[in-house]
Amino acid sequence: MSNFYARICDNGHVNITYRRAKKDERCQECGAPLIDSCPQCGNLIKQWHYYGMVYLTPKNLKFERPDSCAKCGQVFPWADKKPAAYMHARKIQQPEPYSVNERAGADGRTI
């Protein structure tokens, strides 16, 4: 049986591998610390089991990064960085409301 673990850095970069994260291990993309379990309760973030031998990380693993621990509800470090980017994207997608003068019907009358 082969086990694979999701290891995630404080900035949210996901790394899936067959090894657990070590205490001093860092993200290859940004250098932030990696975790594979909840810092509060120790519950693994995500683990996959494969029966048989797998030499490399399977490319077909689909994983949605959680914002909090499934067991205790502790918020992960990368979740704190999400709202600013989310709010920025939301602001771009939602235009400002129309003023009364801009809302006119097809015949030119104000709605």
PDB file of N, CA and C in Angstrom:
ATOM      1  N   MET A   1       0.844  -1.179   0.000  1.00  0.00           N
ATOM      2  CA  MET A   1       0.000   0.000   0.000  1.00  0.00           C
ATOM      3  C   MET A   1       0.889   1.242   0.000  1.00  0.00           C
ATOM      4  N   SER A   2       0.504   2.238  -0.760  1.00  0.00           N
ATOM      5  CA  SER A   2       1.230   3.510  -0.813  1.00  0.00           C
ATOM      6  C   SER A   2       0.355   4.600  -0.207  1.00  0.00           C
ATOM      7  N   ASN A   3       0.962   5.461   0.592  1.00  0.00           N
ATOM      8  CA  ASN A   3       0.263   6.587   1.199  1.00  0.00           C
ATOM      9  C   ASN A   3       0.775   7.884   0.602  1.00  0.00           C
ATOM     10  N   PHE A   4      -0.119   8.822   0.387  1.00  0.00           N
ATOM     11  CA  PHE A   4       0.246  10.152  -0.086  1.00  0.00           C
ATOM     12  C   PHE A   4      -0.379  11.170   0.842  1.00  0.00           C
ATOM     13  N   TYR A   5       0.331  12.276   1.050  1.00  0.00           N
ATOM     14  CA  TYR A   5      -0.096  13.296   1.992  1.00  0.00           C
ATOM     15  C   TYR A   5      -0.126  14.664   1.317  1.00  0.00           C
ATOM     16  N   ALA A   6      -1.100  15.481   1.690  1.00  0.00           N
ATOM     17  CA  ALA A   6      -1.134  16.873   1.243  1.00  0.00           C
ATOM     18  C   ALA A   6      -0.327  17.683   2.248  1.00  0.00           C
ATOM     19  N   ARG A   7       0.674  18.384   1.744  1.00  0.00           N
ATOM     20  CA  ARG A   7       1.488  19.280   2.570  1.00  0.00           C
ATOM     21  C   ARG A   7       1.261  20.682   2.023  1.00  0.00           C
ATOM     22  N   ILE A   8       0.951  21.628   2.901  1.00  0.00           N
ATOM     23  CA  ILE A   8       0.581  22.973   2.471  1.00  0.00           C
ATOM     24  C   ILE A   8       1.405  23.985   3.257  1.00  0.00           C
ATOM     25  N   CYS A   9       1.899  25.005   2.553  1.00  0.00           N
ATOM     26  CA  CYS A   9       2.685  26.038   3.233  1.00  0.00           C
ATOM     27  C   CYS A   9       1.757  27.125   3.781  1.00  0.00           C
ATOM     28  N   ASP A  10       2.321  28.021   4.586  1.00  0.00           N
ATOM     29  CA  ASP A  10       1.540  29.098   5.193  1.00  0.00           C
ATOM     30  C   ASP A  10       0.898  30.022   4.166  1.00  0.00           C
ATOM     31  N   ASN A  11       1.449  30.055   2.938  1.00  0.00           N
ATOM     32  CA  ASN A  11       0.890  30.896   1.877  1.00  0.00           C
ATOM     33  C   ASN A  11      -0.115  30.152   1.007  1.00  0.00           C
ATOM     34  N   GLY A  12      -0.336  28.844   1.291  1.00  0.00           N
ATOM     35  CA  GLY A  12      -1.359  28.084   0.579  1.00  0.00           C
ATOM     36  C   GLY A  12      -0.883  27.240  -0.584  1.00  0.00           C
ATOM     37  N   HIS A  13       0.425  27.148  -0.841  1.00  0.00           N
ATOM     38  CA  HIS A  13       0.930  26.294  -1.922  1.00  0.00           C
ATOM     39  C   HIS A  13       0.811  24.836  -1.515  1.00  0.00           C
ATOM     40  N   VAL A  14       0.201  24.012  -2.370  1.00  0.00           N
ATOM     41  CA  VAL A  14      -0.046  22.597  -2.072  1.00  0.00           C
ATOM     42  C   VAL A  14       1.048  21.737  -2.695  1.00  0.00           C
ATOM     43  N   ASN A  15       1.526  20.769  -1.909  1.00  0.00           N
ATOM     44  CA  ASN A  15       2.507  19.791  -2.367  1.00  0.00           C
ATOM     45  C   ASN A  15       2.010  18.425  -1.937  1.00  0.00           C
ATOM     46  N   ILE A  16       1.782  17.524  -2.890  1.00  0.00           N
ATOM     47  CA  ILE A  16       1.321  16.179  -2.572  1.00  0.00           C
ATOM     48  C   ILE A  16       2.482  15.218  -2.794  1.00  0.00           C
ATOM     49  N   THR A  17       2.801  14.449  -1.768  1.00  0.00           N
ATOM     50  CA  THR A  17       3.931  13.541  -1.844  1.00  0.00           C
ATOM     51  C   THR A  17       3.704  12.352  -0.921  1.00  0.00           C
ATOM     52  N   TYR A  18       4.611  11.388  -0.976  1.00  0.00           N
ATOM     53  CA  TYR A  18       4.490  10.182  -0.161  1.00  0.00           C
ATOM     54  C   TYR A  18       5.123  10.356   1.227  1.00  0.00           C
ATOM     55  N   ARG A  19       5.676  11.519   1.512  1.00  0.00           N
ATOM     56  CA  ARG A  19       6.318  11.767   2.800  1.00  0.00           C
ATOM     57  C   ARG A  19       5.521  12.767   3.628  1.00  0.00           C
ATOM     58  N   ARG A  20       5.555  12.585   4.929  1.00  0.00           N
ATOM     59  CA  ARG A  20       4.977  13.567   5.850  1.00  0.00           C
ATOM     60  C   ARG A  20       5.906  14.777   5.918  1.00  0.00           C
ATOM     61  N   ALA A  21       5.382  15.914   6.290  1.00  0.00           N
ATOM     62  CA  ALA A  21       6.190  17.132   6.416  1.00  0.00           C
ATOM     63  C   ALA A  21       7.028  17.071   7.694  1.00  0.00           C
ATOM     64  N   LYS A  22       8.294  17.456   7.577  1.00  0.00           N
ATOM     65  CA  LYS A  22       9.173  17.541   8.742  1.00  0.00           C
ATOM     66  C   LYS A  22       9.033  18.934   9.341  1.00  0.00           C
ATOM     67  N   LYS A  23       9.426  19.089  10.617  1.00  0.00           N
ATOM     68  CA  LYS A  23       9.264  20.381  11.306  1.00  0.00           C
ATOM     69  C   LYS A  23       9.975  21.530  10.605  1.00  0.00           C
ATOM     70  N   ASP A  24      11.170  21.290  10.077  1.00  0.00           N
ATOM     71  CA  ASP A  24      11.962  22.372   9.481  1.00  0.00           C
ATOM     72  C   ASP A  24      11.821  22.441   7.956  1.00  0.00           C
ATOM     73  N   GLU A  25      10.904  21.671   7.387  1.00  0.00           N
ATOM     74  CA  GLU A  25      10.748  21.632   5.933  1.00  0.00           C
ATOM     75  C   GLU A  25      10.037  22.889   5.423  1.00  0.00           C
ATOM     76  N   ARG A  26      10.473  23.368   4.260  1.00  0.00           N
ATOM     77  CA  ARG A  26       9.962  24.621   3.687  1.00  0.00           C
ATOM     78  C   ARG A  26       9.368  24.391   2.299  1.00  0.00           C
ATOM     79  N   CYS A  27       8.500  25.296   1.897  1.00  0.00           N
ATOM     80  CA  CYS A  27       7.879  25.281   0.567  1.00  0.00           C
ATOM     81  C   CYS A  27       8.942  25.554  -0.498  1.00  0.00           C
ATOM     82  N   GLN A  28       8.888  24.808  -1.589  1.00  0.00           N
ATOM     83  CA  GLN A  28       9.838  25.012  -2.680  1.00  0.00           C
ATOM     84  C   GLN A  28       9.518  26.264  -3.486  1.00  0.00           C
ATOM     85  N   GLU A  29       8.270  26.732  -3.422  1.00  0.00           N
ATOM     86  CA  GLU A  29       7.872  27.913  -4.191  1.00  0.00           C
ATOM     87  C   GLU A  29       8.183  29.229  -3.490  1.00  0.00           C
ATOM     88  N   CYS A  30       7.947  29.275  -2.158  1.00  0.00           N
ATOM     89  CA  CYS A  30       8.088  30.569  -1.464  1.00  0.00           C
ATOM     90  C   CYS A  30       8.937  30.522  -0.198  1.00  0.00           C
ATOM     91  N   GLY A  31       9.295  29.331   0.267  1.00  0.00           N
ATOM     92  CA  GLY A  31      10.136  29.213   1.453  1.00  0.00           C
ATOM     93  C   GLY A  31       9.396  29.226   2.779  1.00  0.00           C
ATOM     94  N   ALA A  32       8.081  29.292   2.757  1.00  0.00           N
ATOM     95  CA  ALA A  32       7.291  29.286   3.999  1.00  0.00           C
ATOM     96  C   ALA A  32       7.254  27.875   4.592  1.00  0.00           C
ATOM     97  N   PRO A  33       7.022  27.754   5.901  1.00  0.00           N
ATOM     98  CA  PRO A  33       6.956  26.426   6.531  1.00  0.00           C
ATOM     99  C   PRO A  33       5.819  25.582   5.976  1.00  0.00           C
ATOM    100  N   LEU A  34       6.048  24.261   5.880  1.00  0.00           N
ATOM    101  CA  LEU A  34       5.045  23.303   5.404  1.00  0.00           C
ATOM    102  C   LEU A  34       4.389  22.603   6.584  1.00  0.00           C
ATOM    103  N   ILE A  35       3.088  22.343   6.479  1.00  0.00           N
ATOM    104  CA  ILE A  35       2.402  21.505   7.459  1.00  0.00           C
ATOM    105  C   ILE A  35       1.581  20.453   6.712  1.00  0.00           C
ATOM    106  N   ASP A  36       1.384  19.309   7.348  1.00  0.00           N
ATOM    107  CA  ASP A  36       0.523  18.276   6.770  1.00  0.00           C
ATOM    108  C   ASP A  36      -0.589  17.873   7.736  1.00  0.00           C
ATOM    109  N   SER A  37      -0.597  18.512   8.892  1.00  0.00           N
ATOM    110  CA  SER A  37      -1.627  18.225   9.888  1.00  0.00           C
ATOM    111  C   SER A  37      -1.974  19.510  10.642  1.00  0.00           C
ATOM    112  N   CYS A  38      -3.087  19.460  11.318  1.00  0.00           N
ATOM    113  CA  CYS A  38      -3.552  20.618  12.086  1.00  0.00           C
ATOM    114  C   CYS A  38      -2.581  20.921  13.221  1.00  0.00           C
ATOM    115  N   PRO A  39      -2.116  22.166  13.355  1.00  0.00           N
ATOM    116  CA  PRO A  39      -1.210  22.515  14.446  1.00  0.00           C
ATOM    117  C   PRO A  39      -1.852  22.371  15.828  1.00  0.00           C
ATOM    118  N   GLN A  40      -3.181  22.437  15.903  1.00  0.00           N
ATOM    119  CA  GLN A  40      -3.860  22.368  17.198  1.00  0.00           C
ATOM    120  C   GLN A  40      -4.139  20.927  17.641  1.00  0.00           C
ATOM    121  N   CYS A  41      -4.743  20.103  16.757  1.00  0.00           N
ATOM    122  CA  CYS A  41      -5.152  18.754  17.176  1.00  0.00           C
ATOM    123  C   CYS A  41      -4.332  17.629  16.544  1.00  0.00           C
ATOM    124  N   GLY A  42      -3.542  17.924  15.505  1.00  0.00           N
ATOM    125  CA  GLY A  42      -2.707  16.909  14.872  1.00  0.00           C
ATOM    126  C   GLY A  42      -3.397  16.082  13.801  1.00  0.00           C
ATOM    127  N   ASN A  43      -4.653  16.378  13.491  1.00  0.00           N
ATOM    128  CA  ASN A  43      -5.385  15.655  12.459  1.00  0.00           C
ATOM    129  C   ASN A  43      -4.760  15.930  11.085  1.00  0.00           C
ATOM    130  N   LEU A  44      -4.540  14.874  10.284  1.00  0.00           N
ATOM    131  CA  LEU A  44      -3.973  15.054   8.947  1.00  0.00           C
ATOM    132  C   LEU A  44      -4.908  15.882   8.082  1.00  0.00           C
ATOM    133  N   ILE A  45      -4.332  16.779   7.273  1.00  0.00           N
ATOM    134  CA  ILE A  45      -5.134  17.609   6.369  1.00  0.00           C
ATOM    135  C   ILE A  45      -5.777  16.728   5.309  1.00  0.00           C
ATOM    136  N   LYS A  46      -4.970  15.877   4.660  1.00  0.00           N
ATOM    137  CA  LYS A  46      -5.495  14.944   3.657  1.00  0.00           C
ATOM    138  C   LYS A  46      -4.486  13.832   3.452  1.00  0.00           C
ATOM    139  N   GLN A  47      -4.991  12.587   3.395  1.00  0.00           N
ATOM    140  CA  GLN A  47      -4.153  11.425   3.140  1.00  0.00           C
ATOM    141  C   GLN A  47      -4.893  10.509   2.181  1.00  0.00           C
ATOM    142  N   TRP A  48      -4.165   9.969   1.205  1.00  0.00           N
ATOM    143  CA  TRP A  48      -4.720   9.017   0.252  1.00  0.00           C
ATOM    144  C   TRP A  48      -4.019   7.679   0.439  1.00  0.00           C
ATOM    145  N   HIS A  49      -4.753   6.583   0.248  1.00  0.00           N
ATOM    146  CA  HIS A  49      -4.186   5.237   0.302  1.00  0.00           C
ATOM    147  C   HIS A  49      -4.327   4.599  -1.076  1.00  0.00           C
ATOM    148  N   TYR A  50      -3.226   4.051  -1.591  1.00  0.00           N
ATOM    149  CA  TYR A  50      -3.249   3.306  -2.846  1.00  0.00           C
ATOM    150  C   TYR A  50      -2.742   1.908  -2.574  1.00  0.00           C
ATOM    151  N   TYR A  51      -3.462   0.916  -3.070  1.00  0.00           N
ATOM    152  CA  TYR A  51      -3.022  -0.463  -2.923  1.00  0.00           C
ATOM    153  C   TYR A  51      -2.174  -0.809  -4.133  1.00  0.00           C
ATOM    154  N   GLY A  52      -1.037  -1.416  -3.899  1.00  0.00           N
ATOM    155  CA  GLY A  52      -0.087  -1.681  -4.965  1.00  0.00           C
ATOM    156  C   GLY A  52       1.037  -0.662  -4.890  1.00  0.00           C
ATOM    157  N   MET A  53       1.914  -0.695  -5.841  1.00  0.00           N
ATOM    158  CA  MET A  53       3.095   0.175  -5.816  1.00  0.00           C
ATOM    159  C   MET A  53       2.896   1.370  -6.742  1.00  0.00           C
ATOM    160  N   VAL A  54       3.153   2.544  -6.225  1.00  0.00           N
ATOM    161  CA  VAL A  54       3.102   3.774  -7.015  1.00  0.00           C
ATOM    162  C   VAL A  54       4.453   4.445  -6.822  1.00  0.00           C
ATOM    163  N   TYR A  55       5.197   4.656  -7.912  1.00  0.00           N
ATOM    164  CA  TYR A  55       6.541   5.198  -7.801  1.00  0.00           C
ATOM    165  C   TYR A  55       6.579   6.722  -7.746  1.00  0.00           C
ATOM    166  N   LEU A  56       5.643   7.365  -8.386  1.00  0.00           N
ATOM    167  CA  LEU A  56       5.573   8.826  -8.394  1.00  0.00           C
ATOM    168  C   LEU A  56       4.217   9.265  -7.876  1.00  0.00           C
ATOM    169  N   THR A  57       4.115  10.506  -7.507  1.00  0.00           N
ATOM    170  CA  THR A  57       2.828  11.035  -7.068  1.00  0.00           C
ATOM    171  C   THR A  57       1.830  10.955  -8.219  1.00  0.00           C
ATOM    172  N   PRO A  58       0.664  10.357  -7.994  1.00  0.00           N
ATOM    173  CA  PRO A  58      -0.328  10.270  -9.069  1.00  0.00           C
ATOM    174  C   PRO A  58      -0.740  11.655  -9.553  1.00  0.00           C
ATOM    175  N   LYS A  59      -0.821  11.822 -10.842  1.00  0.00           N
ATOM    176  CA  LYS A  59      -1.161  13.121 -11.433  1.00  0.00           C
ATOM    177  C   LYS A  59      -2.664  13.395 -11.393  1.00  0.00           C
ATOM    178  N   ASN A  60      -3.466  12.360 -11.153  1.00  0.00           N
ATOM    179  CA  ASN A  60      -4.907  12.545 -11.199  1.00  0.00           C
ATOM    180  C   ASN A  60      -5.525  12.863  -9.844  1.00  0.00           C
ATOM    181  N   LEU A  61      -4.711  13.145  -8.827  1.00  0.00           N
ATOM    182  CA  LEU A  61      -5.256  13.504  -7.523  1.00  0.00           C
ATOM    183  C   LEU A  61      -5.863  14.903  -7.590  1.00  0.00           C
ATOM    184  N   LYS A  62      -7.112  15.010  -7.201  1.00  0.00           N
ATOM    185  CA  LYS A  62      -7.769  16.312  -7.159  1.00  0.00           C
ATOM    186  C   LYS A  62      -7.966  16.655  -5.692  1.00  0.00           C
ATOM    187  N   PHE A  63      -7.524  17.830  -5.324  1.00  0.00           N
ATOM    188  CA  PHE A  63      -7.547  18.211  -3.925  1.00  0.00           C
ATOM    189  C   PHE A  63      -7.915  19.674  -3.794  1.00  0.00           C
ATOM    190  N   GLU A  64      -8.962  19.942  -3.041  1.00  0.00           N
ATOM    191  CA  GLU A  64      -9.350  21.317  -2.763  1.00  0.00           C
ATOM    192  C   GLU A  64      -8.836  21.677  -1.375  1.00  0.00           C
ATOM    193  N   ARG A  65      -7.988  22.660  -1.315  1.00  0.00           N
ATOM    194  CA  ARG A  65      -7.337  23.056  -0.073  1.00  0.00           C
ATOM    195  C   ARG A  65      -8.374  23.549   0.938  1.00  0.00           C
ATOM    196  N   PRO A  66      -8.428  22.937   2.137  1.00  0.00           N
ATOM    197  CA  PRO A  66      -9.390  23.388   3.144  1.00  0.00           C
ATOM    198  C   PRO A  66      -8.904  24.651   3.847  1.00  0.00           C
ATOM    199  N   ASP A  67      -9.821  25.434   4.379  1.00  0.00           N
ATOM    200  CA  ASP A  67      -9.467  26.639   5.131  1.00  0.00           C
ATOM    201  C   ASP A  67      -9.394  26.381   6.630  1.00  0.00           C
ATOM    202  N   SER A  68      -9.970  25.252   7.074  1.00  0.00           N
ATOM    203  CA  SER A  68      -9.945  24.930   8.496  1.00  0.00           C
ATOM    204  C   SER A  68      -9.883  23.420   8.688  1.00  0.00           C
ATOM    205  N   CYS A  69      -9.525  23.009   9.891  1.00  0.00           N
ATOM    206  CA  CYS A  69      -9.395  21.597  10.237  1.00  0.00           C
ATOM    207  C   CYS A  69     -10.771  20.939  10.259  1.00  0.00           C
ATOM    208  N   ALA A  70     -10.870  19.762   9.654  1.00  0.00           N
ATOM    209  CA  ALA A  70     -12.141  19.036   9.621  1.00  0.00           C
ATOM    210  C   ALA A  70     -12.516  18.488  10.994  1.00  0.00           C
ATOM    211  N   LYS A  71     -11.539  18.305  11.873  1.00  0.00           N
ATOM    212  CA  LYS A  71     -11.806  17.716  13.189  1.00  0.00           C
ATOM    213  C   LYS A  71     -12.118  18.769  14.254  1.00  0.00           C
ATOM    214  N   CYS A  72     -11.240  19.783  14.399  1.00  0.00           N
ATOM    215  CA  CYS A  72     -11.410  20.744  15.498  1.00  0.00           C
ATOM    216  C   CYS A  72     -11.860  22.136  15.048  1.00  0.00           C
ATOM    217  N   GLY A  73     -11.800  22.414  13.751  1.00  0.00           N
ATOM    218  CA  GLY A  73     -12.259  23.708  13.235  1.00  0.00           C
ATOM    219  C   GLY A  73     -11.216  24.815  13.261  1.00  0.00           C
ATOM    220  N   GLN A  74      -9.994  24.504  13.691  1.00  0.00           N
ATOM    221  CA  GLN A  74      -8.903  25.496  13.714  1.00  0.00           C
ATOM    222  C   GLN A  74      -8.685  26.057  12.307  1.00  0.00           C
ATOM    223  N   VAL A  75      -8.599  27.370  12.169  1.00  0.00           N
ATOM    224  CA  VAL A  75      -8.381  28.011  10.875  1.00  0.00           C
ATOM    225  C   VAL A  75      -6.896  27.892  10.522  1.00  0.00           C
ATOM    226  N   PHE A  76      -6.609  27.442   9.302  1.00  0.00           N
ATOM    227  CA  PHE A  76      -5.225  27.285   8.854  1.00  0.00           C
ATOM    228  C   PHE A  76      -4.622  28.637   8.474  1.00  0.00           C
ATOM    229  N   PRO A  77      -3.286  28.769   8.491  1.00  0.00           N
ATOM    230  CA  PRO A  77      -2.627  30.064   8.225  1.00  0.00           C
ATOM    231  C   PRO A  77      -2.969  30.684   6.870  1.00  0.00           C
ATOM    232  N   TRP A  78      -3.121  29.869   5.841  1.00  0.00           N
ATOM    233  CA  TRP A  78      -3.385  30.409   4.498  1.00  0.00           C
ATOM    234  C   TRP A  78      -4.806  30.951   4.374  1.00  0.00           C
ATOM    235  N   ALA A  79      -5.713  30.555   5.234  1.00  0.00           N
ATOM    236  CA  ALA A  79      -7.097  31.032   5.159  1.00  0.00           C
ATOM    237  C   ALA A  79      -7.185  32.513   5.511  1.00  0.00           C
ATOM    238  N   ASP A  80      -6.281  32.997   6.371  1.00  0.00           N
ATOM    239  CA  ASP A  80      -6.274  34.409   6.744  1.00  0.00           C
ATOM    240  C   ASP A  80      -5.897  35.304   5.576  1.00  0.00           C
ATOM    241  N   LYS A  81      -5.202  34.759   4.607  1.00  0.00           N
ATOM    242  CA  LYS A  81      -4.748  35.543   3.447  1.00  0.00           C
ATOM    243  C   LYS A  81      -5.765  35.537   2.323  1.00  0.00           C
ATOM    244  N   LYS A  82      -6.781  34.707   2.412  1.00  0.00           N
ATOM    245  CA  LYS A  82      -7.767  34.561   1.353  1.00  0.00           C
ATOM    246  C   LYS A  82      -8.740  35.733   1.238  1.00  0.00           C
ATOM    247  N   PRO A  83      -9.275  36.278   2.325  1.00  0.00           N
ATOM    248  CA  PRO A  83     -10.314  37.304   2.184  1.00  0.00           C
ATOM    249  C   PRO A  83      -9.911  38.538   1.379  1.00  0.00           C
ATOM    250  N   ALA A  84      -8.685  39.004   1.509  1.00  0.00           N
ATOM    251  CA  ALA A  84      -8.276  40.204   0.774  1.00  0.00           C
ATOM    252  C   ALA A  84      -8.328  39.962  -0.732  1.00  0.00           C
ATOM    253  N   ALA A  85      -7.803  38.828  -1.170  1.00  0.00           N
ATOM    254  CA  ALA A  85      -7.826  38.504  -2.600  1.00  0.00           C
ATOM    255  C   ALA A  85      -9.260  38.262  -3.061  1.00  0.00           C
ATOM    256  N   TYR A  86     -10.044  37.599  -2.220  1.00  0.00           N
ATOM    257  CA  TYR A  86     -11.438  37.325  -2.555  1.00  0.00           C
ATOM    258  C   TYR A  86     -12.229  38.626  -2.694  1.00  0.00           C
ATOM    259  N   MET A  87     -12.039  39.518  -1.753  1.00  0.00           N
ATOM    260  CA  MET A  87     -12.759  40.789  -1.799  1.00  0.00           C
ATOM    261  C   MET A  87     -12.322  41.624  -3.001  1.00  0.00           C
ATOM    262  N   HIS A  88     -11.039  41.587  -3.339  1.00  0.00           N
ATOM    263  CA  HIS A  88     -10.552  42.315  -4.508  1.00  0.00           C
ATOM    264  C   HIS A  88     -11.214  41.772  -5.769  1.00  0.00           C
ATOM    265  N   ALA A  89     -11.286  40.452  -5.904  1.00  0.00           N
ATOM    266  CA  ALA A  89     -11.907  39.831  -7.080  1.00  0.00           C
ATOM    267  C   ALA A  89     -13.396  40.169  -7.121  1.00  0.00           C
ATOM    268  N   ARG A  90     -14.049  40.180  -5.973  1.00  0.00           N
ATOM    269  CA  ARG A  90     -15.471  40.504  -5.916  1.00  0.00           C
ATOM    270  C   ARG A  90     -15.732  41.942  -6.326  1.00  0.00           C
ATOM    271  N   LYS A  91     -14.848  42.839  -5.916  1.00  0.00           N
ATOM    272  CA  LYS A  91     -15.010  44.256  -6.251  1.00  0.00           C
ATOM    273  C   LYS A  91     -14.894  44.469  -7.761  1.00  0.00           C
ATOM    274  N   ILE A  92     -14.005  43.736  -8.398  1.00  0.00           N
ATOM    275  CA  ILE A  92     -13.827  43.850  -9.845  1.00  0.00           C
ATOM    276  C   ILE A  92     -15.050  43.318 -10.577  1.00  0.00           C
ATOM    277  N   GLN A  93     -15.645  42.221 -10.074  1.00  0.00           N
ATOM    278  CA  GLN A  93     -16.757  41.575 -10.765  1.00  0.00           C
ATOM    279  C   GLN A  93     -18.077  42.305 -10.578  1.00  0.00           C
ATOM    280  N   GLN A  94     -18.242  43.036  -9.491  1.00  0.00           N
ATOM    281  CA  GLN A  94     -19.504  43.711  -9.237  1.00  0.00           C
ATOM    282  C   GLN A  94     -19.374  45.204  -9.502  1.00  0.00           C
ATOM    283  N   PRO A  95     -20.009  45.708 -10.562  1.00  0.00           N
ATOM    284  CA  PRO A  95     -19.921  47.143 -10.854  1.00  0.00           C
ATOM    285  C   PRO A  95     -20.683  47.961  -9.815  1.00  0.00           C
ATOM    286  N   GLU A  96     -20.364  49.224  -9.759  1.00  0.00           N
ATOM    287  CA  GLU A  96     -21.051  50.143  -8.851  1.00  0.00           C
ATOM    288  C   GLU A  96     -22.523  50.248  -9.267  1.00  0.00           C
ATOM    289  N   PRO A  97     -23.416  50.473  -8.319  1.00  0.00           N
ATOM    290  CA  PRO A  97     -24.835  50.612  -8.673  1.00  0.00           C
ATOM    291  C   PRO A  97     -25.065  51.857  -9.541  1.00  0.00           C
ATOM    292  N   TYR A  98     -26.080  51.797 -10.377  1.00  0.00           N
ATOM    293  CA  TYR A  98     -26.415  52.925 -11.252  1.00  0.00           C
ATOM    294  C   TYR A  98     -27.039  54.053 -10.445  1.00  0.00           C
ATOM    295  N   SER A  99     -26.820  55.280 -10.905  1.00  0.00           N
ATOM    296  CA  SER A  99     -27.518  56.403 -10.292  1.00  0.00           C
ATOM    297  C   SER A  99     -28.912  56.483 -10.926  1.00  0.00           C
ATOM    298  N   VAL A 100     -29.783  57.255 -10.368  1.00  0.00           N
ATOM    299  CA  VAL A 100     -31.155  57.378 -10.877  1.00  0.00           C
ATOM    300  C   VAL A 100     -31.132  57.880 -12.313  1.00  0.00           C
ATOM    301  N   ASN A 101     -30.242  58.808 -12.637  1.00  0.00           N
ATOM    302  CA  ASN A 101     -30.184  59.383 -13.979  1.00  0.00           C
ATOM    303  C   ASN A 101     -29.690  58.373 -15.020  1.00  0.00           C
ATOM    304  N   GLU A 102     -28.929  57.394 -14.637  1.00  0.00           N
ATOM    305  CA  GLU A 102     -28.385  56.415 -15.590  1.00  0.00           C
ATOM    306  C   GLU A 102     -29.376  55.299 -15.904  1.00  0.00           C
ATOM    307  N   ARG A 103     -30.374  55.105 -15.059  1.00  0.00           N
ATOM    308  CA  ARG A 103     -31.326  54.019 -15.269  1.00  0.00           C
ATOM    309  C   ARG A 103     -32.481  54.509 -16.135  1.00  0.00           C
ATOM    310  N   ALA A 104     -32.367  54.303 -17.403  1.00  0.00           N
ATOM    311  CA  ALA A 104     -33.436  54.706 -18.313  1.00  0.00           C
ATOM    312  C   ALA A 104     -33.875  53.496 -19.113  1.00  0.00           C
ATOM    313  N   GLY A 105     -35.133  53.439 -19.393  1.00  0.00           N
ATOM    314  CA  GLY A 105     -35.672  52.349 -20.202  1.00  0.00           C
ATOM    315  C   GLY A 105     -35.304  52.534 -21.661  1.00  0.00           C
ATOM    316  N   ALA A 106     -35.735  51.617 -22.506  1.00  0.00           N
ATOM    317  CA  ALA A 106     -35.444  51.671 -23.939  1.00  0.00           C
ATOM    318  C   ALA A 106     -36.043  52.897 -24.599  1.00  0.00           C
ATOM    319  N   ASP A 107     -37.154  53.403 -24.067  1.00  0.00           N
ATOM    320  CA  ASP A 107     -37.789  54.582 -24.652  1.00  0.00           C
ATOM    321  C   ASP A 107     -37.271  55.893 -24.069  1.00  0.00           C
ATOM    322  N   GLY A 108     -36.241  55.822 -23.167  1.00  0.00           N
ATOM    323  CA  GLY A 108     -35.651  57.032 -22.638  1.00  0.00           C
ATOM    324  C   GLY A 108     -36.244  57.479 -21.319  1.00  0.00           C
ATOM    325  N   ARG A 109     -37.361  56.881 -20.885  1.00  0.00           N
ATOM    326  CA  ARG A 109     -37.966  57.269 -19.620  1.00  0.00           C
ATOM    327  C   ARG A 109     -37.187  56.648 -18.457  1.00  0.00           C
ATOM    328  N   THR A 110     -37.138  57.359 -17.364  1.00  0.00           N
ATOM    329  CA  THR A 110     -36.475  56.842 -16.175  1.00  0.00           C
ATOM    330  C   THR A 110     -37.294  55.725 -15.559  1.00  0.00           C
ATOM    331  N   ILE A 111     -36.628  54.686 -15.153  1.00  0.00           N
ATOM    332  CA  ILE A 111     -37.303  53.531 -14.573  1.00  0.00           C
ATOM    333  C   ILE A 111     -37.489  53.745 -13.085  1.00  0.00           C
TER     334      ILE A 111
END
